[in-house]
């Protein structure tokens, strides 16, 4: 259910729009109505709507005065206006939705559907942000390396780089140990944090915390703390340097 407010300086227009929404947009629940600037401000702050139907002109201030008071807004807005074609260009160029008075039913349904889609996308983004934040908090501290005789658990910060060898991967550790595992380097790239590990070549995934030096070249060369020299592919050079603001 979409919680909506209607703001218009004429009570007749509010009644008409409210009736159209009840008949043709049952997913919209009108939680409040206002016919002036101050009442609209109070309602917005108290009811936290999902959608605002907003007339441009109203007593004691227009729609833009109202929006400046409450920016940044956390709801969708559909302007309801009698503006002429010239003024409507401002809405089109700003990708803002609007309805012309008298309100056309098909245009009303389309505008509400578009607002509903945007609200759904915002919910998905919120869910994704929560997931990413929670996932980062639970970031891997150790990783299990599948060996011939079982699993070897190593601290992720101890991994200096990984070297692809077909469907196998050599995992190089800070203490000099090298472990050949039956996983592809892509498996490790998906598993390890992109904040720490960077794919600099189709055959190399490195821990950026163990880089000692970068030498410029067509792609360039990286010297790791353990002395290993790793080639940076031309295709991945810009992405690698961008991590360091270069």
Protein backbone atom coordinates (compact mmCIF):
# COMPACT_ATOMS: atom_id res chain seq x y z
CA UNK A 1 0.00 0.00 0.00
CA UNK A 2 1.30 3.45 -1.00
CA UNK A 3 0.73 6.13 1.64
CA UNK A 4 -0.11 9.36 -0.17
CA UNK A 5 -0.81 13.03 0.58
CA UNK A 6 -2.72 15.42 -1.66
CA UNK A 7 -1.80 19.11 -1.55
CA UNK A 8 -3.96 21.53 -3.53
CA UNK A 9 -5.30 24.98 -2.72
CA UNK A 10 -8.78 24.07 -3.99
CA UNK A 11 -10.87 21.58 -1.99
CA UNK A 12 -12.76 20.59 -5.14
CA UNK A 13 -9.55 19.43 -6.81
CA UNK A 14 -8.62 17.40 -3.72
CA UNK A 15 -12.01 15.64 -3.71
CA UNK A 16 -11.79 14.83 -7.42
CA UNK A 17 -8.26 13.44 -7.23
CA UNK A 18 -9.06 11.49 -4.07
CA UNK A 19 -12.05 9.92 -5.81
CA UNK A 20 -10.03 9.01 -8.90
CA UNK A 21 -7.37 7.35 -6.75
CA UNK A 22 -9.97 5.32 -4.83
CA UNK A 23 -11.55 4.12 -8.07
CA UNK A 24 -8.58 3.58 -10.38
CA UNK A 25 -5.52 3.27 -8.09
CA UNK A 26 -6.59 1.07 -5.15
CA UNK A 27 -2.94 0.56 -4.16
CA UNK A 28 -2.86 4.21 -3.05
CA UNK A 29 -4.13 5.08 0.44
CA UNK A 30 -4.61 8.81 0.97
CA UNK A 31 -3.48 9.50 4.53
CA UNK A 32 -3.90 13.27 4.47
CA UNK A 33 -4.96 16.38 2.56
CA UNK A 34 -3.79 19.97 2.73
CA UNK A 35 -4.84 23.17 0.99
CA UNK A 36 -1.98 25.39 2.10
CA UNK A 37 1.76 25.61 2.66
CA UNK A 38 1.85 25.34 6.46
CA UNK A 39 -0.69 22.51 6.69
CA UNK A 40 1.19 20.58 4.00
CA UNK A 41 4.46 21.00 5.89
CA UNK A 42 2.89 19.69 9.11
CA UNK A 43 1.35 16.68 7.35
CA UNK A 44 4.55 15.71 5.58
CA UNK A 45 6.55 15.85 8.79
CA UNK A 46 3.97 13.90 10.79
CA UNK A 47 2.77 11.24 8.32
CA UNK A 48 5.98 10.37 6.39
CA UNK A 49 4.25 9.66 3.05
CA UNK A 50 5.50 7.48 0.22
CA UNK A 51 3.94 9.69 -2.44
CA UNK A 52 2.94 13.34 -2.63
CA UNK A 53 0.46 14.77 -5.14
CA UNK A 54 1.51 18.40 -5.17
CA UNK A 55 -0.15 21.45 -6.69
CA UNK A 56 2.27 24.21 -7.66
CA UNK A 57 0.41 27.27 -6.36
CA UNK A 58 -0.93 27.50 -2.81
CA UNK A 59 -1.50 30.18 -0.20
CA UNK A 60 1.55 31.58 1.66
CA UNK A 61 4.09 29.85 -0.58
CA UNK A 62 4.31 27.61 -3.64
CA UNK A 63 5.38 23.98 -4.08
CA UNK A 64 9.03 24.89 -4.51
CA UNK A 65 9.08 26.88 -1.27
CA UNK A 66 7.65 23.80 0.42
CA UNK A 67 10.21 21.43 -1.07
CA UNK A 68 13.10 23.68 -0.11
CA UNK A 69 11.92 23.45 3.49
CA UNK A 70 11.96 19.65 3.57
CA UNK A 71 14.87 18.76 1.27
CA UNK A 72 16.15 16.12 0.88
CA UNK A 73 12.82 14.43 0.25
CA UNK A 74 12.36 10.72 0.96
CA UNK A 75 9.20 10.19 -1.07
CA UNK A 76 8.04 10.30 -4.68
CA UNK A 77 6.33 13.42 -6.02
CA UNK A 78 3.74 13.81 -8.74
CA UNK A 79 3.08 17.47 -9.53
CA UNK A 80 -0.51 18.31 -10.41
CA UNK A 81 -0.51 21.49 -12.43
CA UNK A 82 -2.26 23.76 -14.89
CA UNK A 83 1.06 25.15 -16.16
CA UNK A 84 1.46 25.88 -19.85
CA UNK A 85 3.66 23.93 -22.29
CA UNK A 86 6.66 26.20 -21.82
CA UNK A 87 6.74 25.65 -18.06
CA UNK A 88 6.23 21.90 -18.48
CA UNK A 89 9.60 21.62 -20.22
CA UNK A 90 11.21 22.11 -16.81
CA UNK A 91 9.47 18.95 -15.56
CA UNK A 92 10.41 16.93 -18.64
CA UNK A 93 14.07 17.92 -18.55
CA UNK A 94 14.23 17.16 -14.82
CA UNK A 95 12.56 13.75 -15.29
CA UNK A 96 9.90 14.71 -12.74
CA UNK A 97 6.40 13.34 -13.09
CA UNK A 98 3.43 15.64 -13.49
CA UNK A 99 -0.28 15.56 -14.29
CA UNK A 100 -2.15 18.29 -16.12
CA UNK A 101 -5.46 19.55 -14.79
CA UNK A 102 -8.08 18.27 -15.39
CA UNK A 103 -6.46 14.94 -14.51
CA UNK A 104 -6.61 12.24 -17.18
CA UNK A 105 -7.34 8.77 -15.73
CA UNK A 106 -4.83 6.88 -17.92
CA UNK A 107 -2.10 9.40 -17.14
CA UNK A 108 -2.91 9.16 -13.43
CA UNK A 109 -2.64 5.35 -13.49
CA UNK A 110 0.64 5.53 -15.43
CA UNK A 111 2.14 8.10 -13.03
CA UNK A 112 1.16 6.04 -9.97
CA UNK A 113 2.57 2.86 -11.53
CA UNK A 114 5.86 4.63 -12.22
CA UNK A 115 6.01 5.96 -8.65
CA UNK A 116 5.24 2.47 -7.31
CA UNK A 117 8.11 1.03 -9.34
CA UNK A 118 10.52 3.65 -8.04
CA UNK A 119 9.44 2.96 -4.47
CA UNK A 120 10.01 -0.77 -4.98
CA UNK A 121 13.48 -0.07 -6.36
CA UNK A 122 14.28 2.04 -3.30
CA UNK A 123 13.21 -0.84 -1.06
CA UNK A 124 15.45 -3.21 -3.01
CA UNK A 125 18.36 -0.79 -2.73
CA UNK A 126 17.79 -0.48 1.01
CA UNK A 127 17.73 -4.25 1.36
CA UNK A 128 20.90 -4.58 -0.72
CA UNK A 129 22.69 -1.93 1.31
CA UNK A 130 21.75 -3.70 4.53
CA UNK A 131 22.93 -7.00 3.09
CA UNK A 132 26.26 -5.56 1.91
CA UNK A 133 26.90 -3.86 5.25
CA UNK A 134 26.09 -7.01 7.18
CA UNK A 135 28.17 -9.11 4.81
CA UNK A 136 31.19 -6.86 5.22
CA UNK A 137 30.91 -7.11 8.98
CA UNK A 138 31.02 -10.88 8.60
CA UNK A 139 33.94 -10.75 6.16
CA UNK A 140 36.03 -13.89 6.02
CA UNK A 141 38.81 -14.05 8.59
CA UNK A 142 40.01 -17.47 7.48
CA UNK A 143 39.68 -19.38 4.26
CA UNK A 144 39.70 -23.14 3.69
CA UNK A 145 42.14 -24.29 1.00
CA UNK A 146 41.14 -27.69 -0.47
CA UNK A 147 44.25 -29.89 -0.58
CA UNK A 148 44.68 -33.53 -1.59
CA UNK A 149 44.58 -34.72 2.00
CA UNK A 150 41.90 -32.36 3.34
CA UNK A 151 41.48 -28.66 4.09
CA UNK A 152 44.04 -26.12 5.23
CA UNK A 153 42.63 -23.10 7.07
CA UNK A 154 44.72 -19.96 6.61
CA UNK A 155 44.13 -16.36 7.77
CA UNK A 156 43.04 -14.25 4.81
CA UNK A 157 45.50 -11.41 5.63
CA UNK A 158 48.36 -13.93 5.29
CA UNK A 159 47.59 -14.51 1.61
CA UNK A 160 49.93 -12.37 -0.51
CA UNK A 161 48.72 -13.39 -3.97
CA UNK A 162 47.11 -16.18 -5.97
CA UNK A 163 48.42 -17.56 -9.25
CA UNK A 164 46.12 -19.37 -11.70
CA UNK A 165 47.29 -22.59 -13.29
CA UNK A 166 44.43 -23.82 -15.42
CA UNK A 167 41.69 -25.17 -13.16
CA UNK A 168 44.10 -25.08 -10.19
CA UNK A 169 45.38 -22.12 -8.18
CA UNK A 170 48.60 -21.63 -6.26
CA UNK A 171 48.00 -19.70 -3.04
CA UNK A 172 51.10 -17.84 -1.87
CA UNK A 173 51.35 -17.03 1.83
CA UNK A 174 53.33 -14.35 3.62
CA UNK A 175 55.53 -16.98 5.32
CA UNK A 176 56.70 -18.28 1.93
CA UNK A 177 54.43 -21.34 1.77
CA UNK A 178 52.73 -22.15 -1.54
CA UNK A 179 49.65 -24.36 -1.62
CA UNK A 180 48.17 -25.74 -4.84
CA UNK A 181 44.37 -25.94 -4.61
CA UNK A 182 41.69 -27.48 -6.80
CA UNK A 183 39.81 -24.21 -7.25
CA UNK A 184 39.95 -21.67 -10.06
CA UNK A 185 41.23 -18.16 -9.46
CA UNK A 186 37.73 -16.89 -10.33
CA UNK A 187 36.36 -18.88 -7.38
CA UNK A 188 38.76 -17.05 -5.08
CA UNK A 189 38.03 -13.68 -6.69
CA UNK A 190 34.32 -14.15 -5.93
CA UNK A 191 35.06 -15.34 -2.40
CA UNK A 192 37.59 -12.74 -1.24
CA UNK A 193 36.86 -9.10 -0.47
CA UNK A 194 37.33 -6.70 -3.38
CA UNK A 195 38.43 -4.10 -0.84
CA UNK A 196 41.60 -6.15 -0.25
CA UNK A 197 42.13 -8.35 -3.29
CA UNK A 198 42.58 -7.06 -6.83
CA UNK A 199 42.68 -9.02 -10.10
CA UNK A 200 45.59 -7.44 -11.97
CA UNK A 201 45.98 -10.12 -14.64
CA UNK A 202 43.97 -13.10 -15.87
CA UNK A 203 46.43 -15.27 -13.92
CA UNK A 204 46.99 -13.15 -10.80
CA UNK A 205 44.86 -12.01 -7.86
CA UNK A 206 46.87 -9.97 -5.35
CA UNK A 207 46.43 -8.77 -1.79
CA UNK A 208 46.99 -5.01 -2.09
CA UNK A 209 48.23 -4.88 1.51
CA UNK A 210 51.33 -6.84 0.45
CA UNK A 211 52.38 -4.61 -2.47
CA UNK A 212 55.85 -3.12 -2.17
CA UNK A 213 56.32 -1.28 -5.46
CA UNK A 214 54.71 -0.59 -8.84
CA UNK A 215 56.85 0.07 -11.93
CA UNK A 216 55.26 1.83 -14.87
CA UNK A 217 55.14 0.22 -18.29
CA UNK A 218 52.60 -0.81 -20.90
CA UNK A 219 50.70 -2.56 -18.16
CA UNK A 220 53.33 -2.25 -15.48
CA UNK A 221 54.96 -4.56 -12.97
CA UNK A 222 54.15 -5.07 -9.29
CA UNK A 223 56.78 -6.09 -6.78
CA UNK A 224 55.31 -7.87 -3.77
CA UNK A 225 56.80 -7.80 -0.26
CA UNK A 226 58.10 -11.35 -0.73
CA UNK A 227 60.01 -10.32 -3.86
CA UNK A 228 57.58 -11.76 -6.42
CA UNK A 229 57.25 -9.75 -9.64
CA UNK A 230 53.72 -9.76 -11.09
CA UNK A 231 52.69 -8.40 -14.46
CA UNK A 232 49.71 -6.06 -14.70
CA UNK A 233 47.69 -6.57 -17.87
CA UNK A 234 47.02 -3.52 -20.04
CA UNK A 235 43.28 -4.13 -19.73
CA UNK A 236 43.40 -4.03 -15.93
CA UNK A 237 45.97 -1.27 -15.47
CA UNK A 238 43.54 1.65 -15.08
CA UNK A 239 41.35 -0.26 -12.63
CA UNK A 240 44.40 -1.16 -10.53
CA UNK A 241 45.80 2.37 -10.42
CA UNK A 242 42.38 3.85 -9.69
CA UNK A 243 42.33 1.98 -6.38
CA UNK A 244 45.14 4.26 -5.27
CA UNK A 245 43.67 7.47 -6.67
CA UNK A 246 45.97 7.44 -9.70
